[in-house]
Amino acid sequence: MRPKQQQKARHDDLFRARLDQIINMKHELVVLADKIDWAWLDAQVAESFSDQGRPAEPVRFMLGMFMLKHTYGLSDEQVWDRWVHDPYFQYFTGEEFFDARVPFGLNTRCPMSGPA
C-alpha cells in the first residue's frame, strides 16, 4: 500500500527535543536533507505500491535509511543502532523530534534490505 506521509507537528512538544533546535543546521546531513526533493522522490516511487495491504513507511524514511546505510557502509543492524543515537540520521530521515526508540514498531532490519 502507498506509504504514509510524514506529518509536521503543528505545535512544539514541551517534553520532546526538536531536532532543529539541538543540531548544527550546517552539518552535511542537514544540508543534504534540505537539498533533496523528497516530494519528487515520493512521486517517482508511488507507482510501485499497491492500493491494498498495510501502508508502507514514509518514503523519506525508507530512502533516507537506504542512503545512510550505503553512504556510511553500515549493516542493517548498524544503521538502526546509529539512527537511534544520532540526531543527524533522524533529521535526514524526516524526523522532527529526537527519539531514542526504533521507529514505527519495526525490528532492527533495514526497511529496504528485503527478506532475511
C-alpha atoms as a PDB file:
ATOM      1  CA  MET A   1       0.000   0.000   0.000  1.00  0.00           C
ATOM      2  CA  ARG A   2       1.124   3.549  -0.622  1.00  0.00           C
ATOM      3  CA  PRO A   3       3.449   4.944   2.067  1.00  0.00           C
ATOM      4  CA  LYS A   4       2.129   7.127   4.839  1.00  0.00           C
ATOM      5  CA  GLN A   5       3.008  10.792   4.559  1.00  0.00           C
ATOM      6  CA  GLN A   6       5.113  12.247   7.338  1.00  0.00           C
ATOM      7  CA  GLN A   7       3.158  14.968   9.083  1.00  0.00           C
ATOM      8  CA  LYS A   8       4.813  18.013  10.593  1.00  0.00           C
ATOM      9  CA  ALA A   9       3.827  18.835  14.159  1.00  0.00           C
ATOM     10  CA  ARG A  10       1.510  21.810  14.406  1.00  0.00           C
ATOM     11  CA  HIS A  11       2.951  22.834  17.742  1.00  0.00           C
ATOM     12  CA  ASP A  12       6.012  22.353  19.881  1.00  0.00           C
ATOM     13  CA  ASP A  13       6.046  19.466  22.294  1.00  0.00           C
ATOM     14  CA  LEU A  14       7.345  20.676  25.645  1.00  0.00           C
ATOM     15  CA  PHE A  15       8.515  17.199  26.570  1.00  0.00           C
ATOM     16  CA  ARG A  16      10.498  16.351  23.425  1.00  0.00           C
ATOM     17  CA  ALA A  17      13.561  17.966  21.869  1.00  0.00           C
ATOM     18  CA  ARG A  18      13.040  19.429  18.385  1.00  0.00           C
ATOM     19  CA  LEU A  19      15.920  18.337  16.195  1.00  0.00           C
ATOM     20  CA  ASP A  20      16.285  21.729  14.516  1.00  0.00           C
ATOM     21  CA  GLN A  21      16.897  23.247  17.955  1.00  0.00           C
ATOM     22  CA  ILE A  22      19.578  20.802  19.126  1.00  0.00           C
ATOM     23  CA  ILE A  23      21.634  20.090  15.999  1.00  0.00           C
ATOM     24  CA  ASN A  24      24.004  22.137  13.864  1.00  0.00           C
ATOM     25  CA  MET A  25      21.902  23.162  10.859  1.00  0.00           C
ATOM     26  CA  LYS A  26      25.106  23.473   8.798  1.00  0.00           C
ATOM     27  CA  HIS A  27      26.004  19.785   9.285  1.00  0.00           C
ATOM     28  CA  GLU A  28      26.489  17.923   5.993  1.00  0.00           C
ATOM     29  CA  LEU A  29      23.488  15.627   6.524  1.00  0.00           C
ATOM     30  CA  VAL A  30      21.198  18.546   7.349  1.00  0.00           C
ATOM     31  CA  VAL A  31      22.325  20.482   4.273  1.00  0.00           C
ATOM     32  CA  LEU A  32      21.916  17.402   2.057  1.00  0.00           C
ATOM     33  CA  ALA A  33      18.495  16.549   3.509  1.00  0.00           C
ATOM     34  CA  ASP A  34      17.294  20.079   2.830  1.00  0.00           C
ATOM     35  CA  LYS A  35      18.524  19.939  -0.788  1.00  0.00           C
ATOM     36  CA  ILE A  36      16.826  16.637  -1.668  1.00  0.00           C
ATOM     37  CA  ASP A  37      13.393  16.991  -3.234  1.00  0.00           C
ATOM     38  CA  TRP A  38      11.663  14.367  -1.087  1.00  0.00           C
ATOM     39  CA  ALA A  39       8.226  15.072  -2.599  1.00  0.00           C
ATOM     40  CA  TRP A  40       9.590  14.360  -6.083  1.00  0.00           C
ATOM     41  CA  LEU A  41      11.145  11.086  -4.888  1.00  0.00           C
ATOM     42  CA  ASP A  42       7.838  10.137  -3.275  1.00  0.00           C
ATOM     43  CA  ALA A  43       6.014  10.770  -6.553  1.00  0.00           C
ATOM     44  CA  GLN A  44       8.557   8.718  -8.503  1.00  0.00           C
ATOM     45  CA  VAL A  45       8.127   5.590  -6.377  1.00  0.00           C
ATOM     46  CA  ALA A  46       4.363   5.948  -5.846  1.00  0.00           C
ATOM     47  CA  GLU A  47       3.515   3.666  -8.764  1.00  0.00           C
ATOM     48  CA  SER A  48       5.483   0.833  -7.160  1.00  0.00           C
ATOM     49  CA  PHE A  49       2.958   0.464  -4.354  1.00  0.00           C
ATOM     50  CA  SER A  50      -0.298  -1.450  -4.308  1.00  0.00           C
ATOM     51  CA  ASP A  51      -3.607   0.036  -3.221  1.00  0.00           C
ATOM     52  CA  GLN A  52      -4.126  -2.929  -0.899  1.00  0.00           C
ATOM     53  CA  GLY A  53      -2.464  -4.133   2.273  1.00  0.00           C
ATOM     54  CA  ARG A  54      -0.687  -2.415   5.115  1.00  0.00           C
ATOM     55  CA  PRO A  55       0.540   1.119   4.388  1.00  0.00           C
ATOM     56  CA  ALA A  56       4.280   1.325   3.807  1.00  0.00           C
ATOM     57  CA  GLU A  57       6.524   3.519   5.917  1.00  0.00           C
ATOM     58  CA  PRO A  58       7.150   7.067   4.637  1.00  0.00           C
ATOM     59  CA  VAL A  59       9.307   7.231   1.517  1.00  0.00           C
ATOM     60  CA  ARG A  60      11.669   9.761   3.077  1.00  0.00           C
ATOM     61  CA  PHE A  61      12.314   7.390   5.961  1.00  0.00           C
ATOM     62  CA  MET A  62      12.865   4.334   3.754  1.00  0.00           C
ATOM     63  CA  LEU A  63      15.053   6.061   1.169  1.00  0.00           C
ATOM     64  CA  GLY A  64      16.874   8.047   3.831  1.00  0.00           C
ATOM     65  CA  MET A  65      17.787   4.887   5.746  1.00  0.00           C
ATOM     66  CA  PHE A  66      18.867   3.224   2.495  1.00  0.00           C
ATOM     67  CA  MET A  67      21.089   6.213   1.594  1.00  0.00           C
ATOM     68  CA  LEU A  68      22.611   6.389   5.079  1.00  0.00           C
ATOM     69  CA  LYS A  69      23.281   2.642   5.121  1.00  0.00           C
ATOM     70  CA  HIS A  70      25.190   2.750   1.851  1.00  0.00           C
ATOM     71  CA  THR A  71      26.865   6.124   2.355  1.00  0.00           C
ATOM     72  CA  TYR A  72      28.418   5.035   5.639  1.00  0.00           C
ATOM     73  CA  GLY A  73      28.889   1.348   4.728  1.00  0.00           C
ATOM     74  CA  LEU A  74      26.691   0.135   7.581  1.00  0.00           C
ATOM     75  CA  SER A  75      24.947  -3.192   8.061  1.00  0.00           C
ATOM     76  CA  ASP A  76      21.201  -3.320   8.678  1.00  0.00           C
ATOM     77  CA  GLU A  77      21.721  -3.501  12.426  1.00  0.00           C
ATOM     78  CA  GLN A  78      24.368  -0.780  12.432  1.00  0.00           C
ATOM     79  CA  VAL A  79      22.192   1.733  10.575  1.00  0.00           C
ATOM     80  CA  TRP A  80      19.350   1.161  13.087  1.00  0.00           C
ATOM     81  CA  ASP A  81      21.710   1.458  16.056  1.00  0.00           C
ATOM     82  CA  ARG A  82      23.170   4.664  14.705  1.00  0.00           C
ATOM     83  CA  TRP A  83      19.715   6.081  13.870  1.00  0.00           C
ATOM     84  CA  VAL A  84      18.614   5.637  17.485  1.00  0.00           C
ATOM     85  CA  HIS A  85      21.656   7.536  18.793  1.00  0.00           C
ATOM     86  CA  ASP A  86      22.346  10.066  16.036  1.00  0.00           C
ATOM     87  CA  PRO A  87      20.057  13.100  15.743  1.00  0.00           C
ATOM     88  CA  TYR A  88      21.530  13.883  12.317  1.00  0.00           C
ATOM     89  CA  PHE A  89      20.390  10.488  10.998  1.00  0.00           C
ATOM     90  CA  GLN A  90      16.946  11.182  12.428  1.00  0.00           C
ATOM     91  CA  TYR A  91      16.767  14.618  10.811  1.00  0.00           C
ATOM     92  CA  PHE A  92      17.889  13.162   7.475  1.00  0.00           C
ATOM     93  CA  THR A  93      15.058  10.615   7.543  1.00  0.00           C
ATOM     94  CA  GLY A  94      12.445  13.286   8.222  1.00  0.00           C
ATOM     95  CA  GLU A  95      12.004  13.147  11.972  1.00  0.00           C
ATOM     96  CA  GLU A  96      11.067  16.381  13.686  1.00  0.00           C
ATOM     97  CA  PHE A  97      11.759  15.395  17.300  1.00  0.00           C
ATOM     98  CA  PHE A  98      14.609  13.359  18.741  1.00  0.00           C
ATOM     99  CA  ASP A  99      13.504   9.823  19.591  1.00  0.00           C
ATOM    100  CA  ALA A 100      15.748   7.219  21.219  1.00  0.00           C
ATOM    101  CA  ARG A 101      13.449   4.350  20.184  1.00  0.00           C
ATOM    102  CA  VAL A 102      13.288   2.321  16.976  1.00  0.00           C
ATOM    103  CA  PRO A 103      10.515   3.971  14.931  1.00  0.00           C
ATOM    104  CA  PHE A 104       7.258   2.566  13.619  1.00  0.00           C
ATOM    105  CA  GLY A 105       7.411  -0.549  15.814  1.00  0.00           C
ATOM    106  CA  LEU A 106       9.964  -2.036  13.436  1.00  0.00           C
ATOM    107  CA  ASN A 107      12.559  -4.588  14.365  1.00  0.00           C
ATOM    108  CA  THR A 108      16.252  -3.977  13.687  1.00  0.00           C
ATOM    109  CA  ARG A 109      16.083  -4.698   9.959  1.00  0.00           C
ATOM    110  CA  CYS A 110      16.612  -2.002   7.390  1.00  0.00           C
ATOM    111  CA  PRO A 111      13.284  -1.452   5.556  1.00  0.00           C
ATOM    112  CA  MET A 112      14.962  -1.664   2.135  1.00  0.00           C
ATOM    113  CA  SER A 113      17.034  -4.811   2.683  1.00  0.00           C
ATOM    114  CA  GLY A 114      14.455  -7.427   1.742  1.00  0.00           C
ATOM    115  CA  PRO A 115      13.862 -10.816   3.362  1.00  0.00           C
ATOM    116  CA  ALA A 116      16.451 -12.320   5.693  1.00  0.00           C
END
